[in-house]
Protein backbone atom coordinates (compact mmCIF):
# COMPACT_ATOMS: atom_id res chain seq x y z
CA MET A 1 0.12 0.13 0.10
CA LYS A 2 1.36 3.21 -1.08
CA LYS A 3 2.06 5.94 1.36
CA LEU A 4 -0.39 8.99 1.06
CA ASN A 5 1.45 12.18 -0.22
CA TRP A 6 0.05 14.98 2.04
CA ASN A 7 1.71 17.55 -0.17
CA ASN A 8 -0.20 16.56 -3.21
CA ILE A 9 -3.42 16.35 -1.19
CA ARG A 10 -3.02 19.71 0.33
CA LEU A 11 -2.29 21.20 -3.19
CA VAL A 12 -5.79 19.75 -4.29
CA LEU A 13 -7.50 20.88 -1.12
CA ILE A 14 -5.87 24.56 -1.96
CA VAL A 15 -6.96 24.65 -5.44
CA VAL A 16 -10.71 23.20 -4.58
CA LEU A 17 -10.94 26.03 -1.88
CA MET A 18 -9.70 28.76 -4.04
CA ILE A 19 -12.19 27.54 -6.85
CA PHE A 20 -15.03 27.53 -4.26
CA LEU A 21 -14.19 30.98 -2.82
CA TYR A 22 -13.70 32.44 -6.36
CA SER A 23 -17.19 31.06 -7.30
CA PHE A 24 -18.95 32.21 -4.29
CA SER A 25 -17.56 35.65 -4.40
CA GLY A 26 -18.39 35.95 -8.03
CA THR A 27 -22.11 34.78 -6.97
CA LYS A 28 -22.07 37.47 -4.29
CA ASN A 29 -20.67 40.03 -6.52
CA GLN A 30 -23.54 39.42 -9.04
CA GLU A 31 -26.26 39.35 -6.29
CA ARG A 32 -25.00 42.78 -5.18
CA LYS A 33 -27.34 45.40 -5.79
CA ILE A 34 -26.38 48.67 -7.40
CA GLN A 35 -25.65 51.34 -4.68
CA LYS A 36 -24.86 54.30 -6.51
CA ILE A 37 -24.64 55.69 -9.85
CA ASN A 38 -21.33 57.77 -10.63
CA ILE A 39 -21.69 60.33 -13.64
CA ALA A 40 -18.29 61.59 -14.99
CA PHE A 41 -18.22 64.15 -17.91
CA ASN A 42 -15.02 65.11 -19.84
CA ALA A 43 -13.66 68.37 -18.27
CA ASP A 44 -13.48 70.17 -21.49
CA ASP A 45 -16.99 69.67 -22.78
CA TYR A 46 -19.75 71.95 -22.87
CA PRO A 47 -22.45 71.36 -20.15
CA PHE A 48 -25.45 70.60 -22.25
CA LEU A 49 -26.16 67.52 -19.84
CA ASN A 50 -25.71 67.50 -16.26
CA GLU A 51 -25.34 64.89 -13.65
CA THR A 52 -29.17 64.75 -12.78
CA MET A 53 -30.27 64.46 -16.46
CA VAL A 54 -28.11 61.43 -16.87
CA ASN A 55 -28.78 59.93 -13.71
CA ASN A 56 -32.40 60.12 -14.41
CA LEU A 57 -31.99 58.76 -17.90
CA LEU A 58 -30.32 55.59 -16.31
CA ILE A 59 -32.89 55.25 -13.58
CA GLN A 60 -35.67 55.22 -16.05
CA ASN A 61 -33.83 52.03 -17.89
CA PHE A 62 -34.11 50.24 -14.27
CA GLN A 63 -37.79 50.94 -14.11
CA GLY A 64 -37.65 53.85 -11.64
CA THR A 65 -35.12 52.41 -8.96
CA SER A 66 -31.35 52.32 -8.85
CA LYS A 67 -31.45 49.19 -6.39
CA VAL A 68 -30.90 46.51 -9.12
CA LYS A 69 -28.66 43.54 -9.06
CA LYS A 70 -25.57 43.66 -10.88
CA GLU A 71 -26.36 40.70 -12.93
CA ARG A 72 -29.38 42.45 -14.35
CA VAL A 73 -27.34 45.35 -15.71
CA ASP A 74 -26.88 45.32 -19.30
CA LEU A 75 -23.82 47.58 -19.77
CA ASN A 76 -23.78 47.48 -23.53
CA LYS A 77 -27.62 48.58 -23.32
CA LEU A 78 -26.99 51.35 -21.24
CA GLU A 79 -24.01 52.50 -23.48
CA SER A 80 -26.22 52.42 -26.53
CA LEU A 81 -28.83 54.27 -24.48
CA LEU A 82 -26.41 57.29 -23.44
CA ASN A 83 -25.00 57.23 -27.02
CA ALA A 84 -28.44 57.89 -28.65
CA ASN A 85 -28.78 61.05 -26.77
CA LYS A 86 -28.48 63.93 -28.87
CA TYR A 87 -25.88 65.83 -27.10
CA VAL A 88 -23.57 62.64 -26.33
CA ASP A 89 -20.46 61.94 -28.45
CA ASN A 90 -19.56 58.60 -26.87
CA SER A 91 -19.81 56.93 -23.40
CA GLU A 92 -18.49 54.13 -21.38
CA VAL A 93 -20.32 52.41 -18.64
CA PHE A 94 -19.02 49.73 -16.10
CA CYS A 95 -19.83 48.27 -12.66
CA SER A 96 -17.17 48.44 -9.86
CA ILE A 97 -16.81 45.74 -7.05
CA ASP A 98 -18.03 48.15 -4.54
CA GLY A 99 -21.69 48.08 -6.04
CA PHE A 100 -21.29 51.45 -8.02
CA LEU A 101 -22.31 52.21 -11.70
CA ASN A 102 -20.04 54.39 -13.45
CA ALA A 103 -20.84 56.26 -16.50
CA LYS A 104 -18.07 58.21 -18.36
CA ILE A 105 -19.44 60.63 -21.04
CA LYS A 106 -17.96 62.71 -23.48
CA GLN A 107 -20.53 65.31 -25.13
CA LYS A 108 -20.35 66.63 -28.50
CA LYS A 109 -18.39 69.72 -29.06
CA PRO A 110 -20.34 72.51 -31.42
CA ILE A 111 -18.01 74.72 -33.29
CA ILE A 112 -20.59 76.54 -35.35
CA ARG A 113 -24.31 77.63 -35.07
CA VAL A 114 -26.31 77.57 -38.29
CA PHE A 115 -29.13 79.83 -39.07
CA ASN A 116 -31.52 79.71 -42.14
CA GLU A 117 -35.16 79.67 -43.15
CA ASN A 118 -35.67 76.17 -41.68
CA GLY A 119 -34.55 77.11 -38.21
CA SER A 120 -31.15 76.94 -36.29
CA TYR A 121 -28.89 74.09 -35.04
CA TYR A 122 -25.24 73.48 -34.26
CA LEU A 123 -22.74 71.64 -36.05
CA ASP A 124 -19.98 69.54 -34.02
CA ASP A 125 -16.38 69.06 -34.85
CA LYS A 126 -17.38 65.87 -36.75
CA GLY A 127 -20.15 67.39 -38.95
CA ASN A 128 -23.10 66.22 -36.98
CA LYS A 129 -25.97 68.38 -36.48
CA VAL A 130 -26.49 69.05 -32.60
CA PRO A 131 -30.16 70.68 -31.56
CA LEU A 132 -30.35 73.65 -29.65
CA SER A 133 -30.17 73.36 -25.75
CA GLU A 134 -32.40 75.02 -23.04
CA ASN A 135 -29.60 74.01 -20.69
CA PHE A 136 -26.62 75.87 -22.30
CA THR A 137 -26.02 78.06 -25.22
CA PRO A 138 -22.02 77.88 -26.34
CA ARG A 139 -20.41 81.08 -27.57
CA VAL A 140 -19.49 80.00 -31.15
CA PRO A 141 -19.57 81.76 -34.74
CA VAL A 142 -22.71 81.77 -36.62
CA TYR A 143 -23.00 80.48 -40.23
CA TYR A 144 -25.99 82.17 -42.22
CA GLY A 145 -27.38 79.97 -45.00
CA VAL A 146 -28.19 76.33 -45.74
CA ILE A 147 -25.40 73.97 -45.75
CA SER A 148 -25.73 71.17 -48.37
CA ALA A 149 -24.41 67.30 -47.80
CA LYS A 150 -21.81 68.13 -50.26
CA GLU A 151 -20.40 71.26 -48.49
CA VAL A 152 -20.23 69.88 -44.99
CA LYS A 153 -16.97 68.35 -45.04
CA GLN A 154 -15.04 71.16 -46.38
CA LEU A 155 -16.96 73.86 -44.18
CA VAL A 156 -16.39 71.75 -41.28
CA SER A 157 -12.59 71.67 -41.93
CA LEU A 158 -12.89 75.51 -42.24
CA PHE A 159 -14.78 75.76 -38.86
CA ASN A 160 -12.44 73.51 -36.99
CA PHE A 161 -9.46 75.44 -38.18
CA ILE A 162 -11.23 78.55 -36.68
CA GLU A 163 -12.16 76.77 -33.46
CA ASN A 164 -8.67 75.62 -32.99
CA ASP A 165 -6.99 78.86 -33.38
CA GLU A 166 -7.63 81.09 -30.40
CA MET A 167 -7.31 84.29 -32.37
CA LEU A 168 -9.53 83.43 -34.99
CA LYS A 169 -11.98 82.08 -32.70
CA HIS A 170 -12.62 85.27 -30.73
CA ASN A 171 -12.19 87.58 -33.66
CA ILE A 172 -14.71 85.73 -36.32
CA VAL A 173 -18.24 86.23 -35.17
CA ASP A 174 -20.24 85.32 -38.29
CA ILE A 175 -19.85 83.62 -41.79
CA LYS A 176 -21.58 83.53 -44.96
CA LYS A 177 -21.41 82.04 -48.41
CA THR A 178 -22.48 83.97 -51.65
CA GLN A 179 -23.99 82.65 -54.48
CA LYS A 180 -20.52 82.48 -56.08
CA GLY A 181 -19.19 80.36 -53.37
CA ASN A 182 -17.31 83.04 -51.89
CA ILE A 183 -16.97 82.98 -47.90
CA ILE A 184 -17.48 86.21 -46.03
CA PHE A 185 -16.70 86.86 -42.52
CA SER A 186 -17.72 89.45 -39.93
CA VAL A 187 -15.29 90.22 -37.15
CA ARG A 188 -15.54 91.53 -33.71
CA ASN A 189 -14.57 94.96 -32.87
CA TYR A 190 -14.29 96.21 -36.58
CA ASP A 191 -17.02 97.02 -39.24
CA TYR A 192 -14.98 95.54 -42.12
CA LYS A 193 -15.96 92.48 -44.05
CA VAL A 194 -13.23 89.75 -44.88
CA ILE A 195 -13.64 88.43 -48.22
CA PHE A 196 -12.08 84.88 -47.89
CA GLY A 197 -13.01 83.30 -51.19
CA THR A 198 -13.34 79.53 -51.29
CA GLU A 199 -12.17 76.97 -48.72
CA ALA A 200 -8.86 76.20 -50.85
CA ASN A 201 -5.56 77.34 -49.15
CA MET A 202 -7.27 78.24 -46.11
CA GLU A 203 -3.92 77.75 -44.07
CA THR A 204 -2.27 80.55 -46.18
CA LYS A 205 -5.10 82.86 -46.05
CA PHE A 206 -5.52 82.69 -42.19
CA LYS A 207 -1.95 83.04 -41.92
CA ASN A 208 -2.05 86.29 -44.14
CA TYR A 209 -4.96 87.55 -42.26
CA LYS A 210 -3.28 87.02 -38.95
CA ALA A 211 -0.05 89.00 -40.34
CA PHE A 212 -2.34 91.81 -41.51
CA LEU A 213 -3.97 92.26 -38.11
CA GLN A 214 -0.60 92.22 -36.27
CA HIS A 215 0.45 95.14 -38.19
CA ALA A 216 -2.95 97.01 -38.92
CA THR A 217 -3.97 97.25 -35.28
CA LYS A 218 -0.99 99.59 -34.83
CA ASP A 219 -2.60 101.96 -37.29
CA THR A 220 -5.82 103.75 -36.98
CA LEU A 221 -6.46 103.23 -40.60
CA ILE A 222 -8.00 99.76 -39.63
CA LYS A 223 -10.88 101.49 -38.49
CA ARG A 224 -11.79 103.00 -41.91
CA TYR A 225 -11.43 99.81 -44.15
CA LYS A 226 -14.72 98.35 -45.51
CA SER A 227 -13.11 94.92 -46.72
CA ILE A 228 -10.25 92.77 -46.48
CA ASN A 229 -9.73 90.50 -49.40
CA LEU A 230 -7.85 87.31 -48.88
CA ILE A 231 -8.62 85.59 -52.14
CA PHE A 232 -5.42 86.19 -53.63
CA THR A 233 -2.90 84.13 -51.33
CA GLU A 234 0.16 86.51 -52.32
CA GLN A 235 -1.20 89.52 -50.84
CA VAL A 236 -3.99 91.10 -48.89
CA ILE A 237 -6.23 93.76 -50.38
CA CYS A 238 -7.87 96.46 -48.29
CA ALA A 239 -10.31 98.61 -49.37
CA LYS A 240 -11.52 101.87 -47.55
């Protein structure tokens, strides 16, 4: 009769015990009820949504109560619910072991407000339409006119360029497009119009405009100008 190998027996017992404890803790974890909902927004986002609005939206999915077992929480469904919101760019929902439901939300970033005979809305930095909000009104330039589907890509590139440049962002207040396709800006503090032309060579045109401002603001003549023409990339033409 072979002598029992107690070391092997201990090893088997330890493995069995670990499996049991893991299974037990997993079951207890799934049985644990959601104790609280934590909402985290991207710090740089516009506050279209607030914590109460998102919290209520999630609780509605739980049929009016947050005391729901973790095993019943469909995280993918909650993410889809949040992502379907008109102000949400993307979201991440997950449960922590302490019974908290966590939602990280990035809101859409409007870069222009569009006005036309059909109403008003925002365009975000990806070219998506964002409706107006009673909760918050961002300070962004205004575009007057209808934007067709074929124009969106180029115009959003232009709007993003303005949004990402601090000087242009605070200088340009509204934008129009003529029937000939020329873009015209109105600016803050001065009465002249900036005739930009098409979206082509926008970096060079804006560089020329910023160079013009740097020198022109040192002279009182800038207040007499009626238009600043940037169409020709080799020069800036000013008219009184």
